[in-house]
Amino acid sequence: MTYGPNLVELNRQMASYVDRILKGAKPADLPVEQPTTFELVVNLKTAKALGLTIPPSLLLRADQVIE
């Protein structure tokens, strides 16, 4: 199970920063941005291998369930 920033969104933010820098912006002048999108991923196959039972309420909240 993992809960963290959406990596696709982080890559988009990074590409935006690179674009601004390549267009002449100074890195020191760019604001620091924090991730705004987080996702919960549950791996049921690994949970079963470890003998863990994931509550259905948690599975409903998960953005992605790996079976």
C-alpha atoms as a PDB file:
ATOM      1  CA  MET A   1       0.000   0.000   0.000  1.00  0.00           C
ATOM      2  CA  THR A   2       1.252   3.474  -0.784  1.00  0.00           C
ATOM      3  CA  TYR A   3      -0.063   6.986  -0.367  1.00  0.00           C
ATOM      4  CA  GLY A   4       1.860   9.720  -2.099  1.00  0.00           C
ATOM      5  CA  PRO A   5       1.938  12.328  -4.809  1.00  0.00           C
ATOM      6  CA  ASN A   6       0.704  11.463  -8.274  1.00  0.00           C
ATOM      7  CA  LEU A   7       3.912  10.883 -10.256  1.00  0.00           C
ATOM      8  CA  VAL A   8       2.339  11.822 -13.585  1.00  0.00           C
ATOM      9  CA  GLU A   9       1.345  15.203 -12.166  1.00  0.00           C
ATOM     10  CA  LEU A  10       4.831  15.706 -10.701  1.00  0.00           C
ATOM     11  CA  ASN A  11       6.353  15.060 -14.124  1.00  0.00           C
ATOM     12  CA  ARG A  12       4.032  17.661 -15.660  1.00  0.00           C
ATOM     13  CA  GLN A  13       5.093  20.228 -13.046  1.00  0.00           C
ATOM     14  CA  MET A  14       8.744  19.426 -13.694  1.00  0.00           C
ATOM     15  CA  ALA A  15       8.260  19.810 -17.456  1.00  0.00           C
ATOM     16  CA  SER A  16       6.631  23.186 -16.856  1.00  0.00           C
ATOM     17  CA  TYR A  17       9.647  24.315 -14.806  1.00  0.00           C
ATOM     18  CA  VAL A  18      12.081  23.130 -17.486  1.00  0.00           C
ATOM     19  CA  ASP A  19      10.044  24.958 -20.142  1.00  0.00           C
ATOM     20  CA  ARG A  20      10.173  28.213 -18.176  1.00  0.00           C
ATOM     21  CA  ILE A  21      13.918  27.892 -17.603  1.00  0.00           C
ATOM     22  CA  LEU A  22      14.578  27.158 -21.274  1.00  0.00           C
ATOM     23  CA  LYS A  23      12.567  30.248 -22.182  1.00  0.00           C
ATOM     24  CA  GLY A  24      14.900  32.376 -20.052  1.00  0.00           C
ATOM     25  CA  ALA A  25      13.414  32.425 -16.553  1.00  0.00           C
ATOM     26  CA  LYS A  26      15.904  32.385 -13.716  1.00  0.00           C
ATOM     27  CA  PRO A  27      15.474  29.299 -11.486  1.00  0.00           C
ATOM     28  CA  ALA A  28      15.848  31.476  -8.374  1.00  0.00           C
ATOM     29  CA  ASP A  29      12.818  33.518  -9.466  1.00  0.00           C
ATOM     30  CA  LEU A  30      10.511  30.508  -9.898  1.00  0.00           C
ATOM     31  CA  PRO A  31       8.194  29.661  -6.999  1.00  0.00           C
ATOM     32  CA  VAL A  32       8.529  26.414  -5.083  1.00  0.00           C
ATOM     33  CA  GLU A  33       5.478  24.270  -5.743  1.00  0.00           C
ATOM     34  CA  GLN A  34       4.305  21.333  -3.665  1.00  0.00           C
ATOM     35  CA  PRO A  35       2.319  18.396  -5.016  1.00  0.00           C
ATOM     36  CA  THR A  36      -1.413  18.950  -4.957  1.00  0.00           C
ATOM     37  CA  THR A  37      -2.631  15.549  -6.144  1.00  0.00           C
ATOM     38  CA  PHE A  38      -2.127  12.459  -4.013  1.00  0.00           C
ATOM     39  CA  GLU A  39      -3.172   8.886  -4.671  1.00  0.00           C
ATOM     40  CA  LEU A  40      -3.716   5.734  -2.641  1.00  0.00           C
ATOM     41  CA  VAL A  41      -2.642   2.462  -4.271  1.00  0.00           C
ATOM     42  CA  VAL A  42      -3.338  -0.941  -2.700  1.00  0.00           C
ATOM     43  CA  ASN A  43      -1.664  -4.143  -3.882  1.00  0.00           C
ATOM     44  CA  LEU A  44      -3.993  -7.017  -2.932  1.00  0.00           C
ATOM     45  CA  LYS A  45      -1.664  -9.695  -4.282  1.00  0.00           C
ATOM     46  CA  THR A  46       1.118  -8.640  -1.910  1.00  0.00           C
ATOM     47  CA  ALA A  47      -1.336  -8.200   0.962  1.00  0.00           C
ATOM     48  CA  LYS A  48      -2.548 -11.790   0.489  1.00  0.00           C
ATOM     49  CA  ALA A  49       1.046 -13.062   0.323  1.00  0.00           C
ATOM     50  CA  LEU A  50       1.717 -11.336   3.662  1.00  0.00           C
ATOM     51  CA  GLY A  51      -1.509 -12.682   5.160  1.00  0.00           C
ATOM     52  CA  LEU A  52      -3.093  -9.237   5.494  1.00  0.00           C
ATOM     53  CA  THR A  53      -6.746  -8.421   5.058  1.00  0.00           C
ATOM     54  CA  ILE A  54      -7.518  -4.988   3.647  1.00  0.00           C
ATOM     55  CA  PRO A  55     -10.849  -3.552   4.862  1.00  0.00           C
ATOM     56  CA  PRO A  56     -13.418  -2.966   2.095  1.00  0.00           C
ATOM     57  CA  SER A  57     -13.808   0.672   3.176  1.00  0.00           C
ATOM     58  CA  LEU A  58     -10.118   1.263   2.414  1.00  0.00           C
ATOM     59  CA  LEU A  59     -10.418  -0.455  -0.959  1.00  0.00           C
ATOM     60  CA  LEU A  60     -13.308   1.864  -1.855  1.00  0.00           C
ATOM     61  CA  ARG A  61     -11.145   4.916  -1.106  1.00  0.00           C
ATOM     62  CA  ALA A  62      -8.164   3.647  -3.101  1.00  0.00           C
ATOM     63  CA  ASP A  63      -7.412   5.326  -6.418  1.00  0.00           C
ATOM     64  CA  GLN A  64      -5.934   2.084  -7.758  1.00  0.00           C
ATOM     65  CA  VAL A  65      -6.246  -1.527  -6.590  1.00  0.00           C
ATOM     66  CA  ILE A  66      -3.734  -4.038  -7.942  1.00  0.00           C
ATOM     67  CA  GLU A  67      -5.146  -7.558  -7.899  1.00  0.00           C
END
